[in-house]
Amino acid sequence: MRIFRCPDGEDRTFSWHMSVEEYWRIHFFPYDEKPGKMIIGYIGKHLPTVKYPN
């Protein structure tokens, strides 16, 4: 559920995330060595986990 295709065609796991309000998440992948660059993989409601399968 946290693997997304990047613009370069590679599939990557977007395990980094931040919460927005109680139920929303932004999953991202650090991009490049420079701070502040990232690829956004998902913005939306909490994705299922083992603990919270929805």
PDB file of N, CA and C in Angstrom:
ATOM      1  N   MET A   1       0.819  -1.205   0.000  1.00  0.00           N
ATOM      2  CA  MET A   1       0.000   0.000   0.000  1.00  0.00           C
ATOM      3  C   MET A   1       0.857   1.261   0.000  1.00  0.00           C
ATOM      4  N   ARG A   2       2.138   1.135   0.280  1.00  0.00           N
ATOM      5  CA  ARG A   2       2.994   2.326   0.360  1.00  0.00           C
ATOM      6  C   ARG A   2       4.087   2.328  -0.699  1.00  0.00           C
ATOM      7  N   ILE A   3       3.877   1.540  -1.751  1.00  0.00           N
ATOM      8  CA  ILE A   3       4.818   1.513  -2.870  1.00  0.00           C
ATOM      9  C   ILE A   3       4.173   2.279  -4.017  1.00  0.00           C
ATOM     10  N   PHE A   4       4.913   3.291  -4.500  1.00  0.00           N
ATOM     11  CA  PHE A   4       4.398   4.136  -5.568  1.00  0.00           C
ATOM     12  C   PHE A   4       5.449   4.258  -6.659  1.00  0.00           C
ATOM     13  N   ARG A   5       4.997   4.419  -7.886  1.00  0.00           N
ATOM     14  CA  ARG A   5       5.908   4.619  -9.015  1.00  0.00           C
ATOM     15  C   ARG A   5       6.329   6.076  -9.061  1.00  0.00           C
ATOM     16  N   CYS A   6       7.632   6.299  -9.151  1.00  0.00           N
ATOM     17  CA  CYS A   6       8.211   7.650  -9.194  1.00  0.00           C
ATOM     18  C   CYS A   6       8.322   8.128 -10.638  1.00  0.00           C
ATOM     19  N   PRO A   7       8.542   9.427 -10.834  1.00  0.00           N
ATOM     20  CA  PRO A   7       8.657   9.963 -12.194  1.00  0.00           C
ATOM     21  C   PRO A   7       9.761   9.303 -13.032  1.00  0.00           C
ATOM     22  N   ASP A   8      10.785   8.737 -12.377  1.00  0.00           N
ATOM     23  CA  ASP A   8      11.860   8.076 -13.130  1.00  0.00           C
ATOM     24  C   ASP A   8      11.514   6.627 -13.480  1.00  0.00           C
ATOM     25  N   GLY A   9      10.284   6.197 -13.144  1.00  0.00           N
ATOM     26  CA  GLY A   9       9.826   4.857 -13.480  1.00  0.00           C
ATOM     27  C   GLY A   9      10.105   3.805 -12.421  1.00  0.00           C
ATOM     28  N   GLU A  10      10.849   4.147 -11.385  1.00  0.00           N
ATOM     29  CA  GLU A  10      11.168   3.208 -10.309  1.00  0.00           C
ATOM     30  C   GLU A  10      10.028   3.147  -9.292  1.00  0.00           C
ATOM     31  N   ASP A  11       9.756   1.944  -8.796  1.00  0.00           N
ATOM     32  CA  ASP A  11       8.807   1.771  -7.696  1.00  0.00           C
ATOM     33  C   ASP A  11       9.573   1.893  -6.389  1.00  0.00           C
ATOM     34  N   ARG A  12       9.090   2.736  -5.485  1.00  0.00           N
ATOM     35  CA  ARG A  12       9.762   2.949  -4.208  1.00  0.00           C
ATOM     36  C   ARG A  12       8.744   2.876  -3.077  1.00  0.00           C
ATOM     37  N   THR A  13       9.247   2.459  -1.903  1.00  0.00           N
ATOM     38  CA  THR A  13       8.408   2.424  -0.707  1.00  0.00           C
ATOM     39  C   THR A  13       8.438   3.785  -0.039  1.00  0.00           C
ATOM     40  N   PHE A  14       7.277   4.367   0.131  1.00  0.00           N
ATOM     41  CA  PHE A  14       7.139   5.687   0.733  1.00  0.00           C
ATOM     42  C   PHE A  14       6.771   5.514   2.209  1.00  0.00           C
ATOM     43  N   SER A  15       7.751   5.101   3.014  1.00  0.00           N
ATOM     44  CA  SER A  15       7.483   4.849   4.434  1.00  0.00           C
ATOM     45  C   SER A  15       7.491   6.134   5.256  1.00  0.00           C
ATOM     46  N   TRP A  16       8.171   7.177   4.778  1.00  0.00           N
ATOM     47  CA  TRP A  16       8.159   8.463   5.482  1.00  0.00           C
ATOM     48  C   TRP A  16       6.773   9.070   5.326  1.00  0.00           C
ATOM     49  N   HIS A  17       6.236   9.608   6.417  1.00  0.00           N
ATOM     50  CA  HIS A  17       4.932  10.253   6.321  1.00  0.00           C
ATOM     51  C   HIS A  17       4.785  11.289   7.429  1.00  0.00           C
ATOM     52  N   MET A  18       3.812  12.146   7.230  1.00  0.00           N
ATOM     53  CA  MET A  18       3.459  13.116   8.266  1.00  0.00           C
ATOM     54  C   MET A  18       1.943  13.170   8.365  1.00  0.00           C
ATOM     55  N   SER A  19       1.475  13.473   9.556  1.00  0.00           N
ATOM     56  CA  SER A  19       0.042  13.558   9.802  1.00  0.00           C
ATOM     57  C   SER A  19      -0.463  14.966   9.527  1.00  0.00           C
ATOM     58  N   VAL A  20      -1.640  15.029   8.935  1.00  0.00           N
ATOM     59  CA  VAL A  20      -2.338  16.292   8.729  1.00  0.00           C
ATOM     60  C   VAL A  20      -3.707  16.092   9.354  1.00  0.00           C
ATOM     61  N   GLU A  21      -3.948  16.780  10.430  1.00  0.00           N
ATOM     62  CA  GLU A  21      -5.147  16.555  11.233  1.00  0.00           C
ATOM     63  C   GLU A  21      -5.112  15.126  11.768  1.00  0.00           C
ATOM     64  N   GLU A  22      -6.253  14.598  12.151  1.00  0.00           N
ATOM     65  CA  GLU A  22      -6.251  13.297  12.824  1.00  0.00           C
ATOM     66  C   GLU A  22      -6.146  12.110  11.875  1.00  0.00           C
ATOM     67  N   TYR A  23      -6.801  12.173  10.721  1.00  0.00           N
ATOM     68  CA  TYR A  23      -6.889  10.992   9.867  1.00  0.00           C
ATOM     69  C   TYR A  23      -6.168  11.108   8.530  1.00  0.00           C
ATOM     70  N   TRP A  24      -5.576  12.222   8.215  1.00  0.00           N
ATOM     71  CA  TRP A  24      -4.938  12.423   6.925  1.00  0.00           C
ATOM     72  C   TRP A  24      -3.436  12.233   7.026  1.00  0.00           C
ATOM     73  N   ARG A  25      -2.831  11.691   5.970  1.00  0.00           N
ATOM     74  CA  ARG A  25      -1.396  11.468   5.921  1.00  0.00           C
ATOM     75  C   ARG A  25      -0.853  11.942   4.572  1.00  0.00           C
ATOM     76  N   ILE A  26       0.397  12.355   4.596  1.00  0.00           N
ATOM     77  CA  ILE A  26       1.147  12.635   3.374  1.00  0.00           C
ATOM     78  C   ILE A  26       2.345  11.691   3.399  1.00  0.00           C
ATOM     79  N   HIS A  27       2.395  10.774   2.446  1.00  0.00           N
ATOM     80  CA  HIS A  27       3.521   9.842   2.340  1.00  0.00           C
ATOM     81  C   HIS A  27       4.486  10.397   1.305  1.00  0.00           C
ATOM     82  N   PHE A  28       5.760  10.429   1.676  1.00  0.00           N
ATOM     83  CA  PHE A  28       6.750  11.020   0.767  1.00  0.00           C
ATOM     84  C   PHE A  28       8.042  10.229   0.783  1.00  0.00           C
ATOM     85  N   PHE A  29       8.878  10.499  -0.217  1.00  0.00           N
ATOM     86  CA  PHE A  29      10.179   9.850  -0.356  1.00  0.00           C
ATOM     87  C   PHE A  29      11.225  10.955  -0.484  1.00  0.00           C
ATOM     88  N   PRO A  30      12.254  10.957   0.379  1.00  0.00           N
ATOM     89  CA  PRO A  30      13.296  11.983   0.265  1.00  0.00           C
ATOM     90  C   PRO A  30      13.950  11.896  -1.118  1.00  0.00           C
ATOM     91  N   TYR A  31      14.076  13.018  -1.780  1.00  0.00           N
ATOM     92  CA  TYR A  31      14.584  13.062  -3.148  1.00  0.00           C
ATOM     93  C   TYR A  31      15.879  13.851  -3.176  1.00  0.00           C
ATOM     94  N   ASP A  32      16.922  13.234  -3.674  1.00  0.00           N
ATOM     95  CA  ASP A  32      18.208  13.904  -3.815  1.00  0.00           C
ATOM     96  C   ASP A  32      18.844  14.074  -2.435  1.00  0.00           C
ATOM     97  N   GLU A  33      20.027  14.571  -2.390  1.00  0.00           N
ATOM     98  CA  GLU A  33      20.750  14.786  -1.138  1.00  0.00           C
ATOM     99  C   GLU A  33      20.423  16.143  -0.516  1.00  0.00           C
ATOM    100  N   LYS A  34      19.749  16.991  -1.251  1.00  0.00           N
ATOM    101  CA  LYS A  34      19.484  18.352  -0.784  1.00  0.00           C
ATOM    102  C   LYS A  34      18.261  18.388   0.126  1.00  0.00           C
ATOM    103  N   PRO A  35      18.333  19.116   1.231  1.00  0.00           N
ATOM    104  CA  PRO A  35      17.163  19.218   2.105  1.00  0.00           C
ATOM    105  C   PRO A  35      15.992  19.895   1.399  1.00  0.00           C
ATOM    106  N   GLY A  36      14.806  19.463   1.739  1.00  0.00           N
ATOM    107  CA  GLY A  36      13.609  20.105   1.209  1.00  0.00           C
ATOM    108  C   GLY A  36      13.089  19.518  -0.082  1.00  0.00           C
ATOM    109  N   LYS A  37      13.794  18.547  -0.659  1.00  0.00           N
ATOM    110  CA  LYS A  37      13.310  17.927  -1.893  1.00  0.00           C
ATOM    111  C   LYS A  37      12.722  16.568  -1.567  1.00  0.00           C
ATOM    112  N   MET A  38      11.512  16.346  -2.063  1.00  0.00           N
ATOM    113  CA  MET A  38      10.853  15.069  -1.840  1.00  0.00           C
ATOM    114  C   MET A  38       9.866  14.801  -2.964  1.00  0.00           C
ATOM    115  N   ILE A  39       9.495  13.547  -3.087  1.00  0.00           N
ATOM    116  CA  ILE A  39       8.450  13.140  -4.018  1.00  0.00           C
ATOM    117  C   ILE A  39       7.247  12.759  -3.169  1.00  0.00           C
ATOM    118  N   ILE A  40       6.105  13.326  -3.457  1.00  0.00           N
ATOM    119  CA  ILE A  40       4.878  13.006  -2.744  1.00  0.00           C
ATOM    120  C   ILE A  40       4.246  11.789  -3.420  1.00  0.00           C
ATOM    121  N   GLY A  41       4.001  10.745  -2.642  1.00  0.00           N
ATOM    122  CA  GLY A  41       3.403   9.529  -3.180  1.00  0.00           C
ATOM    123  C   GLY A  41       1.917   9.421  -2.926  1.00  0.00           C
ATOM    124  N   TYR A  42       1.458  10.019  -1.819  1.00  0.00           N
ATOM    125  CA  TYR A  42       0.059   9.852  -1.451  1.00  0.00           C
ATOM    126  C   TYR A  42      -0.341  10.955  -0.485  1.00  0.00           C
ATOM    127  N   ILE A  43      -1.514  11.496  -0.698  1.00  0.00           N
ATOM    128  CA  ILE A  43      -2.145  12.420   0.249  1.00  0.00           C
ATOM    129  C   ILE A  43      -3.575  11.921   0.421  1.00  0.00           C
ATOM    130  N   GLY A  44      -3.935  11.587   1.646  1.00  0.00           N
ATOM    131  CA  GLY A  44      -5.297  11.117   1.867  1.00  0.00           C
ATOM    132  C   GLY A  44      -5.467  10.491   3.222  1.00  0.00           C
ATOM    133  N   LYS A  45      -6.545   9.749   3.353  1.00  0.00           N
ATOM    134  CA  LYS A  45      -6.854   9.114   4.625  1.00  0.00           C
ATOM    135  C   LYS A  45      -5.798   8.067   4.956  1.00  0.00           C
ATOM    136  N   HIS A  46      -5.709   7.747   6.241  1.00  0.00           N
ATOM    137  CA  HIS A  46      -4.737   6.790   6.748  1.00  0.00           C
ATOM    138  C   HIS A  46      -4.804   5.495   5.939  1.00  0.00           C
ATOM    139  N   LEU A  47      -3.654   5.032   5.447  1.00  0.00           N
ATOM    140  CA  LEU A  47      -3.606   3.772   4.717  1.00  0.00           C
ATOM    141  C   LEU A  47      -3.654   2.609   5.710  1.00  0.00           C
ATOM    142  N   PRO A  48      -4.186   1.463   5.287  1.00  0.00           N
ATOM    143  CA  PRO A  48      -4.263   0.319   6.188  1.00  0.00           C
ATOM    144  C   PRO A  48      -2.885  -0.146   6.664  1.00  0.00           C
ATOM    145  N   THR A  49      -2.839  -0.624   7.895  1.00  0.00           N
ATOM    146  CA  THR A  49      -1.633  -1.229   8.471  1.00  0.00           C
ATOM    147  C   THR A  49      -2.043  -2.541   9.126  1.00  0.00           C
ATOM    148  N   VAL A  50      -1.078  -3.302   9.601  1.00  0.00           N
ATOM    149  CA  VAL A  50      -1.388  -4.542  10.302  1.00  0.00           C
ATOM    150  C   VAL A  50      -2.217  -4.231  11.545  1.00  0.00           C
ATOM    151  N   LYS A  51      -1.828  -3.183  12.272  1.00  0.00           N
ATOM    152  CA  LYS A  51      -2.534  -2.817  13.495  1.00  0.00           C
ATOM    153  C   LYS A  51      -3.908  -2.216  13.209  1.00  0.00           C
ATOM    154  N   TYR A  52      -4.017  -1.430  12.133  1.00  0.00           N
ATOM    155  CA  TYR A  52      -5.266  -0.782  11.749  1.00  0.00           C
ATOM    156  C   TYR A  52      -5.622  -1.144  10.314  1.00  0.00           C
ATOM    157  N   PRO A  53      -6.220  -2.328  10.107  1.00  0.00           N
ATOM    158  CA  PRO A  53      -6.492  -2.782   8.729  1.00  0.00           C
ATOM    159  C   PRO A  53      -7.635  -2.068   8.025  1.00  0.00           C
ATOM    160  N   ASN A  54      -8.297  -1.131   8.692  1.00  0.00           N
ATOM    161  CA  ASN A  54      -9.455  -0.389   8.160  1.00  0.00           C
ATOM    162  C   ASN A  54     -10.551  -1.371   7.895  1.00  0.00           C
TER     163      ASN A  54
END
